[in-house]
Amino acid sequence: MCGGRETEPAYISGLKRHLRNAAILIDVVVRDKSPSQIVRYALKKALAASDLYDEVWCVVDVDEFTDLDRAVRLARDSTTTALKAAVVVSNPCFELWLLLHFTDHRRQIGGYTQLKPLLRRQVPGYDKHLIDFAADYAATCPDAMRRAMALDPTGEAIHLNPSTNMWRLVQAMGWTDT
């Protein structure tokens, strides 16, 4: 379940195509709401189709939202033996994860407006509406994972800027090269 309309779903769909893991069924759903609303909706959808899903991953940005802690708590409290729920948080936004494919960024950053020029230095003509995982990110995904793990080794420091625990979802989708 993605909070972003275009960037996150395009990246995750591209990653899914790249991995070609037949053992994993991945549905990418967009829900442009607050993090806790996204988690509630994802859990409701997964529980209604419990025979299809054992895990629910909600990918959100920090942006202006104030309910991240509530979203993480909802996911943690709803985890059962039949269903695992997790929240992927990129602080300040998903573009940090994209930037980490190319460079080690450790300075606090205000948001998308500040990240976009840094990302354009690495991906000329970067446009959040035109994500090409295979061309721009596949080869450097292991680098992004290592850099993101260095920022937040536990994958739980959601308030740390910069940080992203997107590496946890990439591993869960079957990426093994880190």
C-alpha atoms as a PDB file:
ATOM      1  CA  MET A   1       0.000   0.000   0.000  1.00  0.00           C
ATOM      2  CA  CYS A   2       1.593   3.267  -1.077  1.00  0.00           C
ATOM      3  CA  GLY A   3       0.907   6.743   0.205  1.00  0.00           C
ATOM      4  CA  GLY A   4       2.426   8.310  -2.893  1.00  0.00           C
ATOM      5  CA  ARG A   5       0.497   8.297  -6.141  1.00  0.00           C
ATOM      6  CA  GLU A   6       3.280   7.758  -8.650  1.00  0.00           C
ATOM      7  CA  THR A   7       6.878   7.468  -7.478  1.00  0.00           C
ATOM      8  CA  GLU A   8       6.524   4.691  -4.911  1.00  0.00           C
ATOM      9  CA  PRO A   9       4.115   2.511  -6.944  1.00  0.00           C
ATOM     10  CA  ALA A  10       6.263   2.865 -10.077  1.00  0.00           C
ATOM     11  CA  TYR A  11       9.451   1.982  -8.182  1.00  0.00           C
ATOM     12  CA  ILE A  12       7.901  -1.016  -6.392  1.00  0.00           C
ATOM     13  CA  SER A  13       6.267  -2.286  -9.595  1.00  0.00           C
ATOM     14  CA  GLY A  14       9.610  -1.999 -11.381  1.00  0.00           C
ATOM     15  CA  LEU A  15      11.354  -3.836  -8.548  1.00  0.00           C
ATOM     16  CA  LYS A  16       8.695  -6.559  -8.710  1.00  0.00           C
ATOM     17  CA  ARG A  17       9.271  -7.000 -12.468  1.00  0.00           C
ATOM     18  CA  HIS A  18      13.038  -7.054 -11.923  1.00  0.00           C
ATOM     19  CA  LEU A  19      12.917  -9.718  -9.211  1.00  0.00           C
ATOM     20  CA  ARG A  20      10.502 -12.005 -11.060  1.00  0.00           C
ATOM     21  CA  ASN A  21       9.861 -13.914  -7.854  1.00  0.00           C
ATOM     22  CA  ALA A  22       7.001 -16.307  -8.683  1.00  0.00           C
ATOM     23  CA  ALA A  23       6.744 -17.332  -5.033  1.00  0.00           C
ATOM     24  CA  ILE A  24       5.575 -13.862  -4.048  1.00  0.00           C
ATOM     25  CA  LEU A  25       2.283 -12.235  -5.039  1.00  0.00           C
ATOM     26  CA  ILE A  26       2.634  -8.473  -4.846  1.00  0.00           C
ATOM     27  CA  ASP A  27      -0.277  -6.092  -5.295  1.00  0.00           C
ATOM     28  CA  VAL A  28       0.679  -2.422  -5.365  1.00  0.00           C
ATOM     29  CA  VAL A  29      -2.220  -0.257  -4.222  1.00  0.00           C
ATOM     30  CA  VAL A  30      -2.231   3.539  -3.941  1.00  0.00           C
ATOM     31  CA  ARG A  31      -4.045   5.206  -1.084  1.00  0.00           C
ATOM     32  CA  ASP A  32      -3.406   8.959  -0.906  1.00  0.00           C
ATOM     33  CA  LYS A  33      -4.156   9.406   2.804  1.00  0.00           C
ATOM     34  CA  SER A  34      -2.340   9.836   6.110  1.00  0.00           C
ATOM     35  CA  PRO A  35      -0.068   6.989   7.297  1.00  0.00           C
ATOM     36  CA  SER A  36      -2.515   5.669   9.905  1.00  0.00           C
ATOM     37  CA  GLN A  37      -5.384   5.748   7.377  1.00  0.00           C
ATOM     38  CA  ILE A  38      -3.205   3.833   4.920  1.00  0.00           C
ATOM     39  CA  VAL A  39      -2.387   1.171   7.520  1.00  0.00           C
ATOM     40  CA  ARG A  40      -6.046   0.809   8.546  1.00  0.00           C
ATOM     41  CA  TYR A  41      -7.144   0.419   4.919  1.00  0.00           C
ATOM     42  CA  ALA A  42      -4.347  -2.047   4.102  1.00  0.00           C
ATOM     43  CA  LEU A  43      -5.178  -4.217   7.104  1.00  0.00           C
ATOM     44  CA  LYS A  44      -8.877  -4.188   6.262  1.00  0.00           C
ATOM     45  CA  LYS A  45      -8.145  -5.177   2.653  1.00  0.00           C
ATOM     46  CA  ALA A  46      -5.683  -7.914   3.671  1.00  0.00           C
ATOM     47  CA  LEU A  47      -7.936  -9.377   6.332  1.00  0.00           C
ATOM     48  CA  ALA A  48     -10.864  -9.468   3.881  1.00  0.00           C
ATOM     49  CA  ALA A  49      -8.692 -11.540   1.526  1.00  0.00           C
ATOM     50  CA  SER A  50      -6.729 -13.383   4.193  1.00  0.00           C
ATOM     51  CA  ASP A  51      -6.208 -16.392   1.951  1.00  0.00           C
ATOM     52  CA  LEU A  52      -4.137 -14.202  -0.417  1.00  0.00           C
ATOM     53  CA  TYR A  53      -1.899 -12.211   1.935  1.00  0.00           C
ATOM     54  CA  ASP A  54       0.469 -13.066   4.782  1.00  0.00           C
ATOM     55  CA  GLU A  55       2.140  -9.650   4.827  1.00  0.00           C
ATOM     56  CA  VAL A  56       1.035  -6.058   4.400  1.00  0.00           C
ATOM     57  CA  TRP A  57       3.583  -3.326   3.771  1.00  0.00           C
ATOM     58  CA  CYS A  58       2.580   0.333   3.893  1.00  0.00           C
ATOM     59  CA  VAL A  59       5.019   2.746   2.227  1.00  0.00           C
ATOM     60  CA  VAL A  60       4.697   6.321   3.493  1.00  0.00           C
ATOM     61  CA  ASP A  61       6.610   9.587   3.662  1.00  0.00           C
ATOM     62  CA  VAL A  62       6.973  11.802   6.679  1.00  0.00           C
ATOM     63  CA  ASP A  63       5.929  14.952   4.778  1.00  0.00           C
ATOM     64  CA  GLU A  64       3.558  16.940   6.969  1.00  0.00           C
ATOM     65  CA  PHE A  65       1.920  13.951   8.664  1.00  0.00           C
ATOM     66  CA  THR A  66       1.765  13.752  12.435  1.00  0.00           C
ATOM     67  CA  ASP A  67       0.392  10.223  12.807  1.00  0.00           C
ATOM     68  CA  LEU A  68       3.456   8.114  11.992  1.00  0.00           C
ATOM     69  CA  ASP A  69       3.701   6.698  15.500  1.00  0.00           C
ATOM     70  CA  ARG A  70       0.028   5.741  15.382  1.00  0.00           C
ATOM     71  CA  ALA A  71       0.524   4.052  11.992  1.00  0.00           C
ATOM     72  CA  VAL A  72       3.485   2.021  13.255  1.00  0.00           C
ATOM     73  CA  ARG A  73       1.551   1.047  16.406  1.00  0.00           C
ATOM     74  CA  LEU A  74      -1.474  -0.047  14.345  1.00  0.00           C
ATOM     75  CA  ALA A  75       0.729  -2.245  12.172  1.00  0.00           C
ATOM     76  CA  ARG A  76       2.598  -3.730  15.134  1.00  0.00           C
ATOM     77  CA  ASP A  77      -0.555  -4.339  17.193  1.00  0.00           C
ATOM     78  CA  SER A  78      -2.379  -5.993  14.301  1.00  0.00           C
ATOM     79  CA  THR A  79       0.413  -8.427  13.489  1.00  0.00           C
ATOM     80  CA  THR A  80      -0.774 -11.978  14.109  1.00  0.00           C
ATOM     81  CA  THR A  81       0.536 -15.394  13.238  1.00  0.00           C
ATOM     82  CA  ALA A  82      -1.511 -15.221  10.027  1.00  0.00           C
ATOM     83  CA  LEU A  83      -0.670 -11.649   8.991  1.00  0.00           C
ATOM     84  CA  LYS A  84       2.465  -9.534   9.348  1.00  0.00           C
ATOM     85  CA  ALA A  85       2.074  -5.776   8.953  1.00  0.00           C
ATOM     86  CA  ALA A  86       4.894  -3.261   8.555  1.00  0.00           C
ATOM     87  CA  VAL A  87       5.280   0.423   7.805  1.00  0.00           C
ATOM     88  CA  VAL A  88       8.042   1.654   5.513  1.00  0.00           C
ATOM     89  CA  VAL A  89       8.880   5.268   6.325  1.00  0.00           C
ATOM     90  CA  SER A  90      11.137   7.539   4.309  1.00  0.00           C
ATOM     91  CA  ASN A  91      12.108  10.686   6.165  1.00  0.00           C
ATOM     92  CA  PRO A  92      11.587  13.206   4.756  1.00  0.00           C
ATOM     93  CA  CYS A  93      10.292  11.544   1.568  1.00  0.00           C
ATOM     94  CA  PHE A  94      10.700   8.562  -0.765  1.00  0.00           C
ATOM     95  CA  GLU A  95      13.154  10.442  -2.968  1.00  0.00           C
ATOM     96  CA  LEU A  96      15.744   9.967  -0.204  1.00  0.00           C
ATOM     97  CA  TRP A  97      15.635   6.224  -0.979  1.00  0.00           C
ATOM     98  CA  LEU A  98      16.175   6.999  -4.661  1.00  0.00           C
ATOM     99  CA  LEU A  99      19.103   9.308  -3.854  1.00  0.00           C
ATOM    100  CA  LEU A 100      20.737   6.602  -1.726  1.00  0.00           C
ATOM    101  CA  HIS A 101      21.082   4.487  -4.870  1.00  0.00           C
ATOM    102  CA  PHE A 102      23.829   6.891  -5.961  1.00  0.00           C
ATOM    103  CA  THR A 103      25.325   8.647  -2.974  1.00  0.00           C
ATOM    104  CA  ASP A 104      25.671   8.485   0.785  1.00  0.00           C
ATOM    105  CA  HIS A 105      23.490  11.330   2.066  1.00  0.00           C
ATOM    106  CA  ARG A 106      23.616  11.914   5.817  1.00  0.00           C
ATOM    107  CA  ARG A 107      22.626  15.575   6.223  1.00  0.00           C
ATOM    108  CA  GLN A 108      19.147  16.537   7.380  1.00  0.00           C
ATOM    109  CA  ILE A 109      17.014  17.667   4.475  1.00  0.00           C
ATOM    110  CA  GLY A 110      13.772  19.625   4.305  1.00  0.00           C
ATOM    111  CA  GLY A 111      11.822  17.583   1.808  1.00  0.00           C
ATOM    112  CA  TYR A 112      11.162  16.870  -1.843  1.00  0.00           C
ATOM    113  CA  THR A 113      12.035  20.394  -3.008  1.00  0.00           C
ATOM    114  CA  GLN A 114      15.530  20.071  -1.543  1.00  0.00           C
ATOM    115  CA  LEU A 115      16.007  16.439  -2.598  1.00  0.00           C
ATOM    116  CA  LYS A 116      14.933  16.877  -6.214  1.00  0.00           C
ATOM    117  CA  PRO A 117      18.043  18.829  -7.360  1.00  0.00           C
ATOM    118  CA  LEU A 118      20.331  16.334  -5.586  1.00  0.00           C
ATOM    119  CA  LEU A 119      18.574  13.473  -7.326  1.00  0.00           C
ATOM    120  CA  ARG A 120      18.692  15.236 -10.697  1.00  0.00           C
ATOM    121  CA  ARG A 121      22.481  15.364 -10.432  1.00  0.00           C
ATOM    122  CA  GLN A 122      22.412  11.564 -10.358  1.00  0.00           C
ATOM    123  CA  VAL A 123      19.465  10.935 -12.709  1.00  0.00           C
ATOM    124  CA  PRO A 124      19.464  13.771 -15.263  1.00  0.00           C
ATOM    125  CA  GLY A 125      15.930  14.789 -16.065  1.00  0.00           C
ATOM    126  CA  TYR A 126      14.557  13.007 -12.997  1.00  0.00           C
ATOM    127  CA  ASP A 127      10.774  13.265 -12.945  1.00  0.00           C
ATOM    128  CA  LYS A 128       8.766  11.658 -10.146  1.00  0.00           C
ATOM    129  CA  HIS A 129       6.113  10.752 -12.732  1.00  0.00           C
ATOM    130  CA  LEU A 130       8.567   8.761 -14.879  1.00  0.00           C
ATOM    131  CA  ILE A 131      10.366   6.202 -12.725  1.00  0.00           C
ATOM    132  CA  ASP A 132      12.296   3.561 -14.664  1.00  0.00           C
ATOM    133  CA  PHE A 133      13.540   1.025 -12.125  1.00  0.00           C
ATOM    134  CA  ALA A 134      15.422  -1.147 -14.613  1.00  0.00           C
ATOM    135  CA  ALA A 135      17.278   1.734 -16.263  1.00  0.00           C
ATOM    136  CA  ASP A 136      17.959   3.969 -13.270  1.00  0.00           C
ATOM    137  CA  TYR A 137      17.870   1.958 -10.040  1.00  0.00           C
ATOM    138  CA  ALA A 138      18.285  -1.807 -10.463  1.00  0.00           C
ATOM    139  CA  ALA A 139      22.085  -1.825 -10.676  1.00  0.00           C
ATOM    140  CA  THR A 140      22.491   0.393  -7.606  1.00  0.00           C
ATOM    141  CA  CYS A 141      19.826  -1.149  -5.361  1.00  0.00           C
ATOM    142  CA  PRO A 142      22.424  -3.007  -3.235  1.00  0.00           C
ATOM    143  CA  ASP A 143      24.206   0.334  -2.675  1.00  0.00           C
ATOM    144  CA  ALA A 144      20.953   1.984  -1.564  1.00  0.00           C
ATOM    145  CA  MET A 145      20.284  -0.870   0.824  1.00  0.00           C
ATOM    146  CA  ARG A 146      23.739  -0.608   2.418  1.00  0.00           C
ATOM    147  CA  ARG A 147      23.478   3.179   2.717  1.00  0.00           C
ATOM    148  CA  ALA A 148      19.960   3.059   4.170  1.00  0.00           C
ATOM    149  CA  MET A 149      21.010   0.370   6.683  1.00  0.00           C
ATOM    150  CA  ALA A 150      23.930   2.577   7.723  1.00  0.00           C
ATOM    151  CA  LEU A 151      21.493   5.441   8.426  1.00  0.00           C
ATOM    152  CA  ASP A 152      19.106   3.214  10.370  1.00  0.00           C
ATOM    153  CA  PRO A 153      20.370  -0.323  11.068  1.00  0.00           C
ATOM    154  CA  THR A 154      17.225  -1.316  12.975  1.00  0.00           C
ATOM    155  CA  GLY A 155      14.781   0.022  10.386  1.00  0.00           C
ATOM    156  CA  GLU A 156      12.828   1.627  13.202  1.00  0.00           C
ATOM    157  CA  ALA A 157      14.188   5.186  13.475  1.00  0.00           C
ATOM    158  CA  ILE A 158      11.265   6.746  11.636  1.00  0.00           C
ATOM    159  CA  HIS A 159      11.813  10.211  13.096  1.00  0.00           C
ATOM    160  CA  LEU A 160      15.476  10.400  12.103  1.00  0.00           C
ATOM    161  CA  ASN A 161      16.075  12.758   9.166  1.00  0.00           C
ATOM    162  CA  PRO A 162      17.438  11.423   6.888  1.00  0.00           C
ATOM    163  CA  SER A 163      16.357   7.808   7.157  1.00  0.00           C
ATOM    164  CA  THR A 164      14.429   5.182   5.269  1.00  0.00           C
ATOM    165  CA  ASN A 165      13.633   1.595   6.064  1.00  0.00           C
ATOM    166  CA  MET A 166      12.702   0.808   2.462  1.00  0.00           C
ATOM    167  CA  TRP A 167      15.543  -1.727   2.505  1.00  0.00           C
ATOM    168  CA  ARG A 168      13.339  -3.969   4.677  1.00  0.00           C
ATOM    169  CA  LEU A 169      10.653  -4.157   1.978  1.00  0.00           C
ATOM    170  CA  VAL A 170      13.237  -4.760  -0.749  1.00  0.00           C
ATOM    171  CA  GLN A 171      14.584  -7.692   1.270  1.00  0.00           C
ATOM    172  CA  ALA A 172      11.075  -8.998   1.924  1.00  0.00           C
ATOM    173  CA  MET A 173      10.392  -8.929  -1.815  1.00  0.00           C
ATOM    174  CA  GLY A 174      13.329 -11.283  -2.293  1.00  0.00           C
ATOM    175  CA  TRP A 175      16.383  -9.125  -3.018  1.00  0.00           C
ATOM    176  CA  THR A 176      19.361 -10.917  -1.551  1.00  0.00           C
ATOM    177  CA  ASP A 177      22.402  -8.959  -2.781  1.00  0.00           C
ATOM    178  CA  THR A 178      23.341  -6.344  -0.158  1.00  0.00           C
END
